[in-house]
Amino acid sequence: GEKWPVNNEMKPYVVEAETQLKAYQPETGDFKILAVNLSTSNDNLIKSCTMTGVPHDNLHAWLEPHMKEIEKLKKAGNREEANKIVGELKESMERYHEYFN
């Protein structure tokens, strides 16, 4: 029942991504810019990773599908599609908090 630990250097990038997702306005937000910003946050998250072992493996089990959603957002053809993907990304962040601290 305990959460996997995440190194402190990575946490600001998780918060950054969450802040970007929460600030996105489904009616007027630029989902292409959001996708680029989320991708940058993830790149920084990955660069700051010093985790090893099982916690690291479990983080990657969460991160890989999350990254695929960001790639889908980059390719979204319209707002409706983008907003659905943003919803998936928000759910992904909820899963992160279920399993990591």
C-alpha atoms as a PDB file:
ATOM      1  CA  GLY A   1       0.000   0.000   0.000  1.00  0.00           C
ATOM      2  CA  GLU A   2       2.966   2.359   0.167  1.00  0.00           C
ATOM      3  CA  LYS A   3       3.760   4.691  -2.698  1.00  0.00           C
ATOM      4  CA  TRP A   4       6.982   4.465  -4.674  1.00  0.00           C
ATOM      5  CA  PRO A   5       9.454   7.249  -3.873  1.00  0.00           C
ATOM      6  CA  VAL A   6      10.383   9.741  -6.597  1.00  0.00           C
ATOM      7  CA  ASN A   7      13.626  11.679  -6.310  1.00  0.00           C
ATOM      8  CA  ASN A   8      13.190  15.325  -5.334  1.00  0.00           C
ATOM      9  CA  GLU A   9      14.911  16.603  -8.488  1.00  0.00           C
ATOM     10  CA  MET A  10      12.064  15.179 -10.592  1.00  0.00           C
ATOM     11  CA  LYS A  11       9.109  16.460  -8.602  1.00  0.00           C
ATOM     12  CA  PRO A  12       9.158  20.065  -9.899  1.00  0.00           C
ATOM     13  CA  TYR A  13       8.647  18.786 -13.442  1.00  0.00           C
ATOM     14  CA  VAL A  14       5.665  16.701 -12.391  1.00  0.00           C
ATOM     15  CA  VAL A  15       4.180  19.778 -10.701  1.00  0.00           C
ATOM     16  CA  GLU A  16       4.972  21.850 -13.792  1.00  0.00           C
ATOM     17  CA  ALA A  17       3.123  19.419 -16.062  1.00  0.00           C
ATOM     18  CA  GLU A  18       0.140  19.306 -13.708  1.00  0.00           C
ATOM     19  CA  THR A  19       0.010  23.090 -13.562  1.00  0.00           C
ATOM     20  CA  GLN A  20       0.006  23.266 -17.361  1.00  0.00           C
ATOM     21  CA  LEU A  21      -2.815  20.727 -17.596  1.00  0.00           C
ATOM     22  CA  LYS A  22      -4.908  22.501 -14.967  1.00  0.00           C
ATOM     23  CA  ALA A  23      -4.399  25.894 -16.651  1.00  0.00           C
ATOM     24  CA  TYR A  24      -5.493  24.619 -20.065  1.00  0.00           C
ATOM     25  CA  GLN A  25      -8.871  26.024 -21.098  1.00  0.00           C
ATOM     26  CA  PRO A  26     -10.770  23.451 -23.208  1.00  0.00           C
ATOM     27  CA  GLU A  27     -12.753  26.147 -25.053  1.00  0.00           C
ATOM     28  CA  THR A  28      -9.907  28.506 -25.923  1.00  0.00           C
ATOM     29  CA  GLY A  29      -6.558  26.918 -24.997  1.00  0.00           C
ATOM     30  CA  ASP A  30      -3.852  26.263 -27.568  1.00  0.00           C
ATOM     31  CA  PHE A  31      -3.449  22.495 -27.369  1.00  0.00           C
ATOM     32  CA  LYS A  32      -0.423  22.525 -29.685  1.00  0.00           C
ATOM     33  CA  ILE A  33       1.473  24.799 -27.292  1.00  0.00           C
ATOM     34  CA  LEU A  34       0.301  22.676 -24.363  1.00  0.00           C
ATOM     35  CA  ALA A  35       1.706  19.580 -26.092  1.00  0.00           C
ATOM     36  CA  VAL A  36       5.089  21.250 -26.631  1.00  0.00           C
ATOM     37  CA  ASN A  37       5.201  22.489 -23.031  1.00  0.00           C
ATOM     38  CA  LEU A  38       4.268  19.069 -21.635  1.00  0.00           C
ATOM     39  CA  SER A  39       6.908  17.459 -23.809  1.00  0.00           C
ATOM     40  CA  THR A  40       9.527  19.875 -22.475  1.00  0.00           C
ATOM     41  CA  SER A  41       8.474  19.151 -18.887  1.00  0.00           C
ATOM     42  CA  ASN A  42       8.782  15.415 -19.555  1.00  0.00           C
ATOM     43  CA  ASP A  43      12.200  15.853 -21.159  1.00  0.00           C
ATOM     44  CA  ASN A  44      13.360  17.684 -18.033  1.00  0.00           C
ATOM     45  CA  LEU A  45      11.768  15.015 -15.835  1.00  0.00           C
ATOM     46  CA  ILE A  46      13.715  12.311 -17.650  1.00  0.00           C
ATOM     47  CA  LYS A  47      16.980  14.267 -17.545  1.00  0.00           C
ATOM     48  CA  SER A  48      16.629  14.752 -13.789  1.00  0.00           C
ATOM     49  CA  CYS A  49      15.993  11.066 -13.056  1.00  0.00           C
ATOM     50  CA  THR A  50      18.456   9.396 -10.725  1.00  0.00           C
ATOM     51  CA  MET A  51      16.064   6.638  -9.666  1.00  0.00           C
ATOM     52  CA  THR A  52      17.098   2.994  -9.838  1.00  0.00           C
ATOM     53  CA  GLY A  53      15.618  -0.427  -9.297  1.00  0.00           C
ATOM     54  CA  VAL A  54      11.952  -1.250  -8.892  1.00  0.00           C
ATOM     55  CA  PRO A  55      10.778   2.355  -8.228  1.00  0.00           C
ATOM     56  CA  HIS A  56      12.484   3.441 -11.467  1.00  0.00           C
ATOM     57  CA  ASP A  57      10.921   0.580 -13.411  1.00  0.00           C
ATOM     58  CA  ASN A  58       7.485   1.396 -12.047  1.00  0.00           C
ATOM     59  CA  LEU A  59       7.886   5.071 -12.885  1.00  0.00           C
ATOM     60  CA  HIS A  60       8.658   4.097 -16.467  1.00  0.00           C
ATOM     61  CA  ALA A  61       5.563   1.875 -16.521  1.00  0.00           C
ATOM     62  CA  TRP A  62       3.568   5.056 -15.817  1.00  0.00           C
ATOM     63  CA  LEU A  63       5.684   7.433 -17.913  1.00  0.00           C
ATOM     64  CA  GLU A  64       5.705   5.551 -21.220  1.00  0.00           C
ATOM     65  CA  PRO A  65       1.911   5.620 -21.744  1.00  0.00           C
ATOM     66  CA  HIS A  66       1.874   9.222 -20.483  1.00  0.00           C
ATOM     67  CA  MET A  67       4.434  10.184 -23.116  1.00  0.00           C
ATOM     68  CA  LYS A  68       2.379   8.454 -25.818  1.00  0.00           C
ATOM     69  CA  GLU A  69      -0.608  10.602 -24.847  1.00  0.00           C
ATOM     70  CA  ILE A  70       1.525  13.738 -25.213  1.00  0.00           C
ATOM     71  CA  GLU A  71       2.596  12.570 -28.676  1.00  0.00           C
ATOM     72  CA  LYS A  72      -1.074  12.039 -29.556  1.00  0.00           C
ATOM     73  CA  LEU A  73      -1.814  15.578 -28.356  1.00  0.00           C
ATOM     74  CA  LYS A  74       0.897  16.940 -30.637  1.00  0.00           C
ATOM     75  CA  LYS A  75      -0.851  15.268 -33.582  1.00  0.00           C
ATOM     76  CA  ALA A  76      -4.430  16.138 -32.598  1.00  0.00           C
ATOM     77  CA  GLY A  77      -6.324  17.497 -35.553  1.00  0.00           C
ATOM     78  CA  ASN A  78      -8.990  19.453 -33.712  1.00  0.00           C
ATOM     79  CA  ARG A  79     -10.033  20.796 -30.330  1.00  0.00           C
ATOM     80  CA  GLU A  80     -12.479  17.967 -29.604  1.00  0.00           C
ATOM     81  CA  GLU A  81      -9.787  15.335 -30.132  1.00  0.00           C
ATOM     82  CA  ALA A  82      -7.262  17.387 -28.160  1.00  0.00           C
ATOM     83  CA  ASN A  83      -9.617  17.878 -25.222  1.00  0.00           C
ATOM     84  CA  LYS A  84     -10.212  14.129 -25.004  1.00  0.00           C
ATOM     85  CA  ILE A  85      -6.440  13.556 -24.887  1.00  0.00           C
ATOM     86  CA  VAL A  86      -6.026  16.290 -22.263  1.00  0.00           C
ATOM     87  CA  GLY A  87      -8.587  14.405 -20.179  1.00  0.00           C
ATOM     88  CA  GLU A  88      -6.502  11.237 -20.558  1.00  0.00           C
ATOM     89  CA  LEU A  89      -3.395  13.138 -19.474  1.00  0.00           C
ATOM     90  CA  LYS A  90      -5.175  14.457 -16.395  1.00  0.00           C
ATOM     91  CA  GLU A  91      -6.212  10.898 -15.512  1.00  0.00           C
ATOM     92  CA  SER A  92      -2.610   9.816 -16.014  1.00  0.00           C
ATOM     93  CA  MET A  93      -1.490  12.432 -13.489  1.00  0.00           C
ATOM     94  CA  GLU A  94      -4.055  11.074 -11.033  1.00  0.00           C
ATOM     95  CA  ARG A  95      -2.555   7.594 -11.509  1.00  0.00           C
ATOM     96  CA  TYR A  96       0.895   9.048 -10.858  1.00  0.00           C
ATOM     97  CA  HIS A  97      -0.310  10.315  -7.471  1.00  0.00           C
ATOM     98  CA  GLU A  98      -1.890   6.961  -6.660  1.00  0.00           C
ATOM     99  CA  TYR A  99       1.446   5.172  -6.974  1.00  0.00           C
ATOM    100  CA  PHE A 100       4.211   7.715  -6.360  1.00  0.00           C
ATOM    101  CA  ASN A 101       5.136  10.291  -3.743  1.00  0.00           C
END
